[in-house]
Protein backbone atom coordinates (compact mmCIF):
# COMPACT_ATOMS: atom_id res chain seq x y z
CA THR A 1 -71.20 -37.72 113.36
CA LYS A 2 -67.51 -38.41 112.67
CA VAL A 3 -67.75 -36.51 109.37
CA LEU A 4 -69.48 -33.60 111.11
CA ALA A 5 -66.86 -33.50 113.87
CA ASP A 6 -64.09 -33.51 111.24
CA LEU A 7 -65.77 -30.68 109.36
CA GLN A 8 -66.18 -28.66 112.56
CA ALA A 9 -62.53 -29.24 113.45
CA GLY A 10 -61.53 -28.15 109.94
CA VAL A 11 -63.61 -24.98 110.25
CA LEU A 12 -62.08 -24.27 113.65
CA ASN A 13 -58.56 -24.78 112.28
CA ALA A 14 -59.30 -22.54 109.30
CA ARG A 15 -60.73 -19.86 111.63
CA ASN A 16 -57.63 -20.03 113.84
CA ALA A 17 -55.36 -19.80 110.80
CA LEU A 18 -57.34 -16.78 109.60
CA GLU A 19 -57.03 -15.05 112.97
CA ASN A 20 -53.29 -15.72 113.02
CA THR A 21 -52.97 -14.34 109.51
CA LYS A 22 -54.94 -11.24 110.49
CA ALA A 23 -52.71 -10.72 113.53
CA GLN A 24 -49.59 -11.07 111.37
CA LEU A 25 -51.06 -8.60 108.88
CA ARG A 26 -51.74 -6.04 111.62
CA GLN A 27 -48.20 -6.46 112.94
CA SER A 28 -46.76 -6.05 109.45
CA GLN A 29 -48.86 -2.93 108.89
CA ARG A 30 -47.56 -1.44 112.14
CA GLN A 31 -44.00 -2.23 111.10
CA VAL A 32 -44.51 -0.65 107.68
CA SER A 33 -45.98 2.43 109.32
CA GLN A 34 -43.06 2.67 111.75
CA LEU A 35 -40.49 2.20 108.98
CA THR A 36 -42.25 4.80 106.84
CA ARG A 37 -42.01 7.31 109.71
CA GLN A 38 -38.34 6.46 110.21
CA THR A 39 -37.69 6.92 106.50
CA GLU A 40 -39.34 10.34 106.55
CA ASP A 41 -37.36 11.32 109.64
CA LEU A 42 -34.12 10.22 107.98
CA LYS A 43 -34.98 12.19 104.85
CA GLU A 44 -35.46 15.30 106.99
CA VAL A 45 -32.15 14.67 108.77
CA ARG A 46 -30.39 14.14 105.44
CA GLU A 47 -31.77 17.41 104.07
CA ARG A 48 -30.81 19.30 107.23
CA LEU A 49 -27.28 17.87 107.09
CA ARG A 50 -27.03 18.67 103.39
CA LEU A 51 -27.93 22.29 104.09
CA GLU A 52 -25.50 22.43 107.01
CA ASN A 53 -22.76 20.96 104.83
CA GLU A 54 -23.52 23.47 102.11
CA GLY A 55 -23.27 26.30 104.62
CA LEU A 56 -19.96 25.00 105.97
CA ASN A 57 -18.61 24.65 102.45
CA ASN A 58 -19.54 28.27 101.83
CA VAL A 59 -17.69 29.30 105.00
CA VAL A 60 -14.60 27.35 103.93
CA THR A 61 -14.73 28.89 100.45
CA ARG A 62 -15.04 32.38 101.91
CA LYS A 63 -12.13 31.79 104.32
CA GLU A 64 -9.98 30.39 101.52
CA ARG A 65 -10.72 33.48 99.44
CA LEU A 66 -9.86 35.77 102.36
CA LEU A 67 -6.65 33.83 102.98
CA GLN A 68 -5.73 34.18 99.31
CA GLU A 69 -6.40 37.93 99.46
CA VAL A 70 -4.28 38.30 102.60
CA SER A 71 -1.47 36.30 101.01
CA GLN A 72 -1.57 38.53 97.93
CA ARG A 73 -1.49 41.65 100.09
CA ILE A 74 1.49 40.32 102.05
CA CYS A 75 3.32 39.51 98.83
CA ALA A 76 2.52 42.96 97.43
CA PHE A 77 3.68 44.60 100.66
CA MET A 78 6.88 42.58 100.74
CA THR A 79 7.57 43.50 97.12
CA THR A 80 7.07 47.22 97.71
CA THR A 81 9.18 47.34 100.86
CA ARG A 82 12.26 45.83 99.26
């Protein structure tokens, strides 16, 4: 009966270890799922910010061009009025 009790205890320990492993696996799967969602969200934010940055760069380029044109006109005006 000692051998049988030891075997039953071993089976119980193995079953408990298996349940713990399953619980850890489920937790890890939830974490992977959550991190995957966060990664996708961050990719969307990065793309949105990239587009916003591109738009702002276009605005700056346009304003620089306008400033250059105004400067040229002022120089031309100053030259003709002398």
